N, C-alpha and C. Protein backbone atom coordinates (compact mmCIF):
# COMPACT_ATOMS: atom_id res chain seq x y z
N PRO A 1 130.63 51.90 143.48
CA PRO A 1 130.38 52.13 142.26
C PRO A 1 131.55 51.64 141.50
N LEU A 2 132.34 50.96 141.84
CA LEU A 2 133.58 50.42 140.59
C LEU A 2 132.81 49.06 140.05
N ASP A 3 131.95 48.74 140.20
CA ASP A 3 131.17 47.84 139.21
C ASP A 3 129.86 48.00 138.60
N VAL A 4 129.33 47.41 137.99
CA VAL A 4 127.80 47.75 137.59
C VAL A 4 126.86 47.21 138.77
N PRO A 5 125.95 47.89 139.14
CA PRO A 5 125.29 47.25 140.10
C PRO A 5 124.28 46.13 139.59
N ASP A 6 124.15 44.93 140.20
CA ASP A 6 123.20 44.07 139.87
C ASP A 6 121.77 43.75 140.69
N LYS A 7 120.87 42.68 140.12
CA LYS A 7 119.57 43.05 141.15
C LYS A 7 120.04 42.48 142.71
N ASP A 8 120.95 41.76 142.89
CA ASP A 8 121.29 40.98 144.07
C ASP A 8 121.73 42.65 144.94
N CYS A 9 122.41 43.01 144.42
CA CYS A 9 123.01 44.35 144.99
C CYS A 9 122.14 45.24 145.51
N VAL A 10 120.76 45.75 144.34
CA VAL A 10 119.96 46.28 144.54
C VAL A 10 119.26 45.61 145.53
N GLU A 11 118.63 44.83 145.62
CA GLU A 11 118.07 44.16 146.99
C GLU A 11 118.80 44.60 147.90
N THR A 12 120.17 43.76 148.33
CA THR A 12 120.66 44.18 149.50
C THR A 12 120.52 45.81 150.01
N LEU A 13 120.70 46.35 148.91
CA LEU A 13 120.80 47.51 149.66
C LEU A 13 119.31 48.35 149.86
N GLU A 14 118.44 47.81 149.04
CA GLU A 14 117.18 47.99 149.46
C GLU A 14 116.70 47.53 150.70
N ARG A 15 117.13 46.24 151.41
CA ARG A 15 116.76 45.80 152.65
C ARG A 15 117.31 46.42 153.96
N LEU A 16 118.54 47.16 153.46
CA LEU A 16 119.38 48.17 154.48
C LEU A 16 118.60 49.00 154.63
N ILE A 17 118.19 49.94 153.65
CA ILE A 17 117.49 50.99 153.98
C ILE A 17 116.25 51.00 154.58
N CYS A 18 115.82 49.84 154.26
CA CYS A 18 114.21 49.37 154.93
C CYS A 18 114.52 49.06 156.82
N ASP A 19 115.83 48.38 156.99
CA ASP A 19 116.06 48.21 158.14
C ASP A 19 116.39 49.63 158.95
N ILE A 20 117.07 50.33 158.10
CA ILE A 20 117.55 51.44 158.81
C ILE A 20 116.08 52.21 159.21
N LYS A 21 115.39 52.56 158.17
CA LYS A 21 113.89 53.15 158.10
C LYS A 21 113.20 52.56 159.45
N LYS A 22 113.41 51.13 159.64
CA LYS A 22 112.51 50.62 160.57
C LYS A 22 113.25 50.58 161.99
N GLY A 23 114.55 51.02 162.33
CA GLY A 23 115.11 50.88 163.57
C GLY A 23 115.65 49.70 163.97
N THR A 24 115.64 48.41 162.62
CA THR A 24 116.43 47.34 163.31
C THR A 24 117.55 46.73 162.67
N PHE A 25 118.15 48.13 161.83
CA PHE A 25 119.61 48.07 161.49
C PHE A 25 120.37 47.91 162.89
N LYS A 26 121.41 46.84 163.24
CA LYS A 26 122.59 46.98 164.13
C LYS A 26 123.76 47.40 163.34
N HIS A 27 124.64 48.27 163.57
CA HIS A 27 125.92 48.26 163.27
C HIS A 27 126.74 47.85 164.59
N GLY A 28 128.06 47.71 163.97
CA GLY A 28 128.92 47.21 164.82
C GLY A 28 129.95 48.04 164.94
N ASN A 29 131.52 47.66 165.50
CA ASN A 29 132.53 48.18 165.73
C ASN A 29 133.45 47.19 165.98
N CYS A 30 134.74 47.46 165.35
CA CYS A 30 135.86 46.83 165.18
C CYS A 30 137.07 46.93 165.93
N LYS A 31 137.15 46.50 167.11
CA LYS A 31 138.74 47.14 167.97
C LYS A 31 139.83 46.85 167.01
N THR A 32 139.83 45.96 165.82
CA THR A 32 140.99 46.50 165.36
C THR A 32 141.07 47.47 163.69
N TYR A 33 139.95 48.27 163.76
CA TYR A 33 139.93 49.12 162.41
C TYR A 33 141.14 49.86 162.42
N SER A 34 141.90 50.08 161.27
CA SER A 34 142.79 50.80 160.88
C SER A 34 142.13 51.52 159.82
N PRO A 35 142.47 52.81 160.11
CA PRO A 35 141.78 53.94 158.81
C PRO A 35 142.84 53.42 157.59
N TYR A 36 144.45 52.90 157.79
CA TYR A 36 145.22 53.14 156.97
C TYR A 36 144.49 51.87 155.92
N HIS A 37 144.34 50.43 156.88
CA HIS A 37 143.84 49.39 156.28
C HIS A 37 142.33 49.97 155.21
N LEU A 38 141.65 50.86 155.20
CA LEU A 38 140.76 51.32 154.81
C LEU A 38 141.05 51.98 153.22
N LEU A 39 141.81 52.96 153.64
CA LEU A 39 142.32 53.62 152.66
C LEU A 39 142.92 52.94 151.48
N TRP A 40 143.61 51.97 152.19
CA TRP A 40 144.74 50.83 151.49
C TRP A 40 143.55 50.13 150.66
N THR A 41 142.65 49.60 151.19
CA THR A 41 141.85 49.09 150.61
C THR A 41 140.85 49.45 149.16
N CYS A 42 140.55 50.75 149.27
CA CYS A 42 140.01 51.80 148.50
C CYS A 42 141.04 51.70 147.14
N ASN A 43 142.20 52.41 147.70
CA ASN A 43 143.10 52.30 146.58
C ASN A 43 143.21 51.17 146.03
N SER A 44 143.51 50.34 146.77
CA SER A 44 143.33 48.97 145.54
C SER A 44 142.14 48.59 144.66
N MET A 45 141.04 48.97 145.71
CA MET A 45 139.79 49.27 144.60
C MET A 45 139.83 49.83 143.19
N PHE A 46 140.52 50.94 143.36
CA PHE A 46 140.55 52.08 142.26
C PHE A 46 141.21 51.64 141.45
N THR A 47 142.51 51.31 141.53
CA THR A 47 143.57 50.83 140.81
C THR A 47 142.93 49.64 140.11
N GLY A 48 142.59 48.53 140.76
CA GLY A 48 142.50 47.39 139.99
C GLY A 48 141.20 47.30 139.19
N CYS A 49 140.32 48.50 139.07
CA CYS A 49 139.35 48.93 137.98
C CYS A 49 139.46 49.66 136.80
N VAL A 50 139.29 48.41 135.81
CA VAL A 50 139.57 48.49 134.43
C VAL A 50 138.62 49.41 133.81
N LYS A 51 137.49 49.81 134.33
CA LYS A 51 136.81 50.81 133.94
C LYS A 51 137.03 52.42 133.84
N LYS A 52 137.29 53.05 133.22
CA LYS A 52 137.76 54.59 133.30
C LYS A 52 136.70 55.15 134.31
N LEU A 53 137.07 55.77 135.53
CA LEU A 53 136.12 56.49 136.29
C LEU A 53 136.13 57.71 136.21
N GLY A 54 134.75 58.37 136.01
CA GLY A 54 134.84 60.03 136.31
C GLY A 54 135.25 60.60 137.20
N VAL A 55 134.82 60.04 138.00
CA VAL A 55 135.11 60.80 139.56
C VAL A 55 135.64 59.47 140.41
N ARG A 56 136.85 59.63 141.23
CA ARG A 56 136.73 58.52 142.05
C ARG A 56 137.49 59.82 143.45
N SER A 57 136.31 58.71 144.72
CA SER A 57 136.00 59.58 145.64
C SER A 57 135.79 58.63 146.74
N VAL A 58 135.99 58.61 148.00
CA VAL A 58 135.84 57.64 149.37
C VAL A 58 135.07 58.34 150.30
N MET A 59 134.04 58.11 150.69
CA MET A 59 133.29 58.69 151.57
C MET A 59 133.44 57.61 152.91
N ILE A 60 133.87 58.25 153.88
CA ILE A 60 134.02 57.40 154.97
C ILE A 60 132.82 58.26 156.14
N PHE A 61 132.05 57.47 156.75
CA PHE A 61 130.89 57.68 157.64
C PHE A 61 131.19 57.78 158.99
N THR A 62 131.30 58.44 159.96
CA THR A 62 132.00 57.85 161.24
C THR A 62 131.46 58.53 162.21
N ASN A 63 131.52 58.08 163.27
CA ASN A 63 131.21 58.91 164.49
C ASN A 63 132.17 58.88 165.59
N VAL A 64 133.37 58.36 165.11
CA VAL A 64 134.36 58.09 166.17
C VAL A 64 135.32 59.32 165.75
N PRO A 65 135.50 60.34 166.64
CA PRO A 65 136.93 61.25 166.00
C PRO A 65 138.15 60.79 166.37
N GLU A 66 138.82 59.75 167.01
CA GLU A 66 139.89 59.15 166.97
C GLU A 66 139.84 57.89 166.82
N PRO A 67 139.40 56.95 165.46
CA PRO A 67 140.28 55.55 165.76
C PRO A 67 140.64 55.04 167.03
N HIS A 68 140.06 54.79 167.81
CA HIS A 68 140.85 53.99 168.88
C HIS A 68 142.00 54.33 169.59
N ASN A 69 142.05 55.56 169.18
CA ASN A 69 143.31 55.89 169.75
C ASN A 69 144.26 55.63 169.44
N MET A 70 144.54 55.72 168.25
CA MET A 70 145.99 55.42 167.36
C MET A 70 147.05 55.80 167.81
N GLU A 71 147.60 54.46 167.50
CA GLU A 71 148.90 54.64 167.75
C GLU A 71 149.63 55.67 166.89
N PRO A 72 150.37 56.26 167.06
CA PRO A 72 151.18 57.25 166.11
C PRO A 72 151.79 57.09 164.82
N LYS A 73 152.48 55.68 164.64
CA LYS A 73 152.44 55.19 163.64
C LYS A 73 151.56 54.66 162.62
N SER A 74 150.47 54.24 163.03
CA SER A 74 149.30 53.94 162.45
C SER A 74 148.35 55.29 161.82
N ARG A 75 148.60 56.39 162.64
CA ARG A 75 148.21 57.58 162.21
C ARG A 75 148.87 58.30 161.39
N GLN A 76 150.37 58.29 160.96
CA GLN A 76 150.90 58.61 160.12
C GLN A 76 150.80 57.76 158.78
N LEU A 77 150.69 56.26 158.81
CA LEU A 77 150.73 55.70 157.70
C LEU A 77 149.08 55.95 157.12
N ALA A 78 148.31 56.06 158.08
CA ALA A 78 147.04 56.98 157.38
C ALA A 78 146.97 57.98 156.90
N ILE A 79 147.38 58.78 156.93
CA ILE A 79 147.87 60.64 156.59
C ILE A 79 148.95 60.49 155.16
N THR A 80 149.74 59.52 155.63
CA THR A 80 150.30 59.22 154.01
C THR A 80 149.68 58.55 153.09
N LYS A 81 148.78 57.71 153.59
CA LYS A 81 148.02 56.89 152.05
C LYS A 81 147.12 57.71 151.57
N ALA A 82 146.76 58.91 152.67
CA ALA A 82 145.60 59.57 152.26
C ALA A 82 146.02 60.67 151.32
N ARG A 83 147.54 61.39 151.74
CA ARG A 83 148.21 62.39 150.57
C ARG A 83 148.29 61.33 149.52
N ASP A 84 148.69 60.02 149.59
CA ASP A 84 149.19 59.50 148.35
C ASP A 84 147.58 59.48 147.58
N MET A 85 146.67 59.14 147.64
CA MET A 85 145.46 58.94 147.09
C MET A 85 144.71 60.31 146.66
N ALA A 86 145.47 61.26 147.22
CA ALA A 86 144.79 62.59 146.74
C ALA A 86 146.02 62.74 145.39
N GLU A 87 146.92 62.46 145.64
CA GLU A 87 148.13 62.66 144.12
C GLU A 87 147.78 62.03 143.50
N LEU A 88 146.92 61.12 143.33
CA LEU A 88 146.30 60.11 142.19
C LEU A 88 145.09 60.54 141.51
N GLY A 89 144.59 61.84 142.23
CA GLY A 89 143.11 62.36 142.03
C GLY A 89 141.88 61.34 142.91
N ILE A 90 141.84 60.93 143.69
CA ILE A 90 140.98 60.23 144.81
C ILE A 90 140.52 60.99 145.81
N SER A 91 139.55 61.39 145.46
CA SER A 91 139.19 62.62 147.04
C SER A 91 138.67 61.86 148.29
N ILE A 92 138.55 62.27 149.01
CA ILE A 92 138.49 61.68 150.19
C ILE A 92 137.30 62.73 151.23
N SER A 93 136.25 62.10 151.92
CA SER A 93 135.38 63.07 152.34
C SER A 93 134.93 62.47 153.90
N VAL A 94 134.58 62.99 154.95
CA VAL A 94 134.62 62.42 155.99
C VAL A 94 132.75 62.58 156.14
N ILE A 95 131.75 61.83 156.39
CA ILE A 95 130.48 62.59 156.97
C ILE A 95 130.36 62.16 158.27
N VAL A 96 130.18 62.96 159.02
CA VAL A 96 129.73 62.68 160.73
C VAL A 96 128.87 62.55 160.81
N LEU A 97 128.36 61.32 162.00
CA LEU A 97 127.20 60.73 162.42
C LEU A 97 127.57 61.28 164.02
N PRO A 98 126.12 61.02 164.70
CA PRO A 98 125.96 61.64 166.11
C PRO A 98 127.10 60.52 166.61
N THR A 99 127.60 60.86 167.67
CA THR A 99 128.46 59.94 168.24
C THR A 99 127.71 59.25 169.59
N ASN A 100 127.92 58.02 170.01
CA ASN A 100 126.99 57.71 170.72
C ASN A 100 127.06 58.10 172.14
N ASP A 101 127.87 58.75 172.50
CA ASP A 101 127.59 59.35 173.88
C ASP A 101 127.06 61.11 173.94
N GLY A 102 126.71 61.42 173.02
CA GLY A 102 126.78 62.75 172.72
C GLY A 102 127.75 63.58 172.79
N VAL A 103 129.00 63.16 172.59
CA VAL A 103 130.10 64.48 172.97
C VAL A 103 130.48 64.91 171.64
N GLU A 104 130.42 66.31 171.42
CA GLU A 104 130.99 67.19 170.13
C GLU A 104 132.03 66.55 169.61
N PHE A 105 131.76 66.32 167.89
CA PHE A 105 132.70 65.36 167.17
C PHE A 105 133.87 66.33 167.10
N ASN A 106 135.68 66.01 167.45
CA ASN A 106 136.44 66.95 167.42
C ASN A 106 137.57 66.39 166.13
N LEU A 107 136.91 67.45 165.01
CA LEU A 107 137.63 66.87 163.42
C LEU A 107 139.46 67.18 163.93
N ASP A 108 139.89 67.64 164.83
CA ASP A 108 141.20 67.84 165.18
C ASP A 108 141.84 66.66 165.82
N LYS A 109 141.34 65.67 166.31
CA LYS A 109 141.88 64.77 167.02
C LYS A 109 142.77 64.22 165.71
N PHE A 110 141.99 63.68 164.59
CA PHE A 110 142.42 62.88 163.34
C PHE A 110 142.10 63.37 162.28
N TYR A 111 140.99 63.48 161.70
CA TYR A 111 140.31 63.63 160.61
C TYR A 111 141.16 65.05 159.88
N SER A 112 141.08 66.26 160.48
CA SER A 112 141.69 67.33 159.90
C SER A 112 142.93 67.15 159.27
N SER A 113 143.71 66.03 159.75
CA SER A 113 145.10 65.84 159.05
C SER A 113 144.96 65.00 158.08
N LEU A 114 143.88 64.25 158.01
CA LEU A 114 143.82 62.81 156.85
C LEU A 114 142.98 63.89 156.03
N VAL A 115 142.01 64.77 156.09
CA VAL A 115 141.63 65.36 154.81
C VAL A 115 141.52 67.24 155.31
N PRO A 116 142.63 67.86 154.72
CA PRO A 116 142.98 68.78 155.00
C PRO A 116 141.63 70.02 155.06
N ASP A 117 141.15 69.71 153.68
CA ASP A 117 139.88 71.04 153.75
C ASP A 117 138.60 70.44 154.09
N LEU A 118 138.95 69.63 155.19
CA LEU A 118 137.68 69.26 155.62
C LEU A 118 136.71 70.15 156.27
N GLU A 119 135.17 70.12 156.33
CA GLU A 119 134.34 70.85 157.17
C GLU A 119 133.31 69.77 157.85
N LEU A 120 133.16 70.62 158.97
CA LEU A 120 132.08 69.60 160.00
C LEU A 120 130.63 69.89 159.77
N GLY A 121 130.14 69.29 159.40
CA GLY A 121 128.63 69.53 159.07
C GLY A 121 127.88 69.13 160.41
N ASN A 122 126.93 69.18 160.65
CA ASN A 122 125.98 68.72 161.57
C ASN A 122 125.47 67.30 161.89
N PRO A 123 126.38 66.53 162.77
CA PRO A 123 125.99 65.04 162.73
C PRO A 123 124.65 64.99 162.75
N THR A 124 124.17 63.48 161.93
CA THR A 124 122.71 63.26 161.90
C THR A 124 122.77 61.85 161.44
N SER A 125 121.84 61.00 162.07
CA SER A 125 121.50 59.68 161.69
C SER A 125 120.34 59.27 161.06
N ASP A 126 119.31 60.65 160.35
CA ASP A 126 118.33 60.72 159.76
C ASP A 126 118.88 60.29 158.26
N VAL A 127 118.37 59.01 157.53
CA VAL A 127 118.54 58.16 156.34
C VAL A 127 118.40 59.64 155.12
N GLU A 128 117.40 60.32 155.39
CA GLU A 128 116.86 61.34 153.87
C GLU A 128 118.05 62.24 153.91
N GLU A 129 118.67 62.56 155.29
CA GLU A 129 119.79 63.99 155.30
C GLU A 129 120.52 63.36 155.06
N LEU A 130 121.11 62.02 155.43
CA LEU A 130 122.39 61.61 155.34
C LEU A 130 122.44 61.40 153.19
N SER A 131 121.46 61.45 152.84
CA SER A 131 121.33 60.54 151.29
C SER A 131 121.75 61.85 150.38
N GLN A 132 120.79 63.05 150.98
CA GLN A 132 120.96 64.42 150.73
C GLN A 132 122.66 64.69 150.47
N ARG A 133 122.99 64.65 151.75
CA ARG A 133 124.68 65.43 152.03
C ARG A 133 125.69 64.12 151.36
N VAL A 134 125.29 62.99 150.70
CA VAL A 134 126.08 61.77 149.34
C VAL A 134 125.71 62.54 148.45
N HIS A 135 124.39 63.27 147.98
CA HIS A 135 124.07 63.37 146.64
C HIS A 135 124.86 64.85 146.38
N ARG A 136 124.65 65.25 147.26
CA ARG A 136 125.37 66.74 146.70
C ARG A 136 127.32 66.88 146.79
N ARG A 137 127.70 65.82 147.52
CA ARG A 137 129.09 65.68 147.40
C ARG A 137 129.53 64.98 145.93
N GLU A 138 128.17 64.05 145.50
CA GLU A 138 128.80 62.87 144.22
C GLU A 138 128.15 64.07 143.02
N ALA A 139 127.14 64.62 143.27
CA ALA A 139 126.90 65.67 141.92
C ALA A 139 127.84 66.17 141.38
N LYS A 140 128.24 65.96 139.87
CA LYS A 140 129.15 66.93 139.88
C LYS A 140 128.99 67.47 138.48
N LEU A 141 129.11 68.63 137.87
CA LEU A 141 128.88 69.60 136.87
C LEU A 141 129.13 68.58 135.41
N ARG A 142 128.33 69.03 134.74
CA ARG A 142 128.50 68.29 133.42
C ARG A 142 128.52 69.59 132.40
N VAL A 143 129.55 69.94 131.56
CA VAL A 143 129.78 70.85 130.58
C VAL A 143 128.82 70.57 129.69
N THR A 144 127.85 71.16 128.99
CA THR A 144 127.30 71.00 127.94
C THR A 144 127.72 71.97 126.51
N SER A 145 128.30 72.90 127.22
CA SER A 145 129.11 73.87 125.64
C SER A 145 130.14 75.18 126.35
N SER A 146 130.92 75.46 125.67
CA SER A 146 131.69 76.52 126.15
C SER A 146 132.24 77.61 124.86
N LEU A 147 132.46 78.63 125.45
CA LEU A 147 132.62 79.71 124.00
C LEU A 147 133.50 80.56 124.78
N PRO A 148 134.18 81.38 123.73
CA PRO A 148 135.19 82.12 124.67
C PRO A 148 134.41 83.70 125.02
N PHE A 149 135.19 84.46 125.77
CA PHE A 149 134.59 85.55 126.35
C PHE A 149 135.87 86.29 126.66
N LYS A 150 135.17 87.77 125.54
CA LYS A 150 136.59 88.55 125.38
C LYS A 150 136.07 89.81 126.38
N ILE A 151 137.42 90.11 126.70
CA ILE A 151 137.06 91.49 127.80
C ILE A 151 138.47 92.33 127.36
N GLY A 152 138.33 93.14 126.84
CA GLY A 152 139.40 93.97 126.39
C GLY A 152 140.35 93.24 125.33
N GLU A 153 141.45 92.96 125.79
CA GLU A 153 142.24 92.43 125.47
C GLU A 153 142.37 91.18 125.68
N MET A 154 141.67 90.59 126.93
CA MET A 154 141.66 89.29 127.53
C MET A 154 140.71 88.57 127.10
N THR A 155 140.99 87.32 127.00
CA THR A 155 140.31 86.25 126.50
C THR A 155 140.12 85.04 127.55
N ILE A 156 139.24 84.99 128.17
CA ILE A 156 138.35 83.62 129.15
C ILE A 156 137.62 82.68 128.49
N GLY A 157 137.80 81.38 129.25
CA GLY A 157 136.83 80.60 128.59
C GLY A 157 135.90 80.61 129.52
N VAL A 158 134.43 80.43 129.15
CA VAL A 158 133.28 80.21 129.72
C VAL A 158 132.69 78.79 129.65
N GLN A 159 132.27 77.98 130.41
CA GLN A 159 131.52 76.75 130.54
C GLN A 159 130.06 76.80 131.08
N PHE A 160 129.51 76.02 130.15
CA PHE A 160 128.02 76.45 130.86
C PHE A 160 127.72 74.84 131.19
N CYS A 161 127.37 74.97 132.16
CA CYS A 161 126.63 73.14 132.87
C CYS A 161 125.53 72.90 132.83
N ASN A 162 125.04 71.41 133.21
CA ASN A 162 123.97 71.19 133.22
C ASN A 162 123.89 70.20 134.51
N LEU A 163 123.20 70.37 135.54
CA LEU A 163 123.02 69.96 136.73
C LEU A 163 122.22 68.45 136.76
N PHE A 164 121.23 68.83 135.67
CA PHE A 164 120.30 67.81 135.45
C PHE A 164 119.89 67.64 134.07
N GLY A 165 119.71 66.18 133.76
CA GLY A 165 119.42 65.90 132.51
C GLY A 165 118.73 64.69 132.67
N ASP A 166 118.25 63.94 131.50
CA ASP A 166 117.24 62.71 131.12
C ASP A 166 118.34 61.90 130.78
N SER A 167 117.91 60.63 131.54
CA SER A 167 118.33 59.48 131.35
C SER A 167 117.80 58.03 131.13
N ALA A 168 118.52 57.71 130.09
CA ALA A 168 117.49 56.55 129.86
C ALA A 168 117.66 55.14 129.95
N VAL A 169 116.76 54.04 130.28
CA VAL A 169 116.98 52.87 131.03
C VAL A 169 117.13 51.79 129.72
N LYS A 170 118.22 51.45 130.26
CA LYS A 170 118.97 50.42 129.35
C LYS A 170 118.17 49.28 129.61
N SER A 171 117.76 48.48 128.36
CA SER A 171 116.88 47.63 128.71
C SER A 171 117.94 46.02 128.36
């Protein structure tokens, strides 16, 4: 969402979702994958975006607890880049998919040091469940109003939020 989706982008996503539901979607694996390069690319996309973004977040979908038995230098570069992104207000979350061999996903191998407050949910490959998880992570509270709340001598601010609202289709 760093750009306004166009018709071709939406059609591509619809074909991808259809392929996933039919079970004909094939995903691959890259032997030269580096989490550092992934994070560097995401950071470059955010810094190159001219629009003001309300939320800047990266979601990593993975079933590999330790990407390609990372060497220590690559591991440290990824952790440093993740910290740099956190300082810039870019949040990183990891959504765990089921492992190919049925082995339990171990966060301590890599991702717990990349994202300190990471929680492991139940791995799933169900498209609807993944969609709900993504929606829960990207749904943000919209403050509709606020007012002061006095308790004795202390005054605190109270904000009222709306999770759902009407949206108009632009023509």
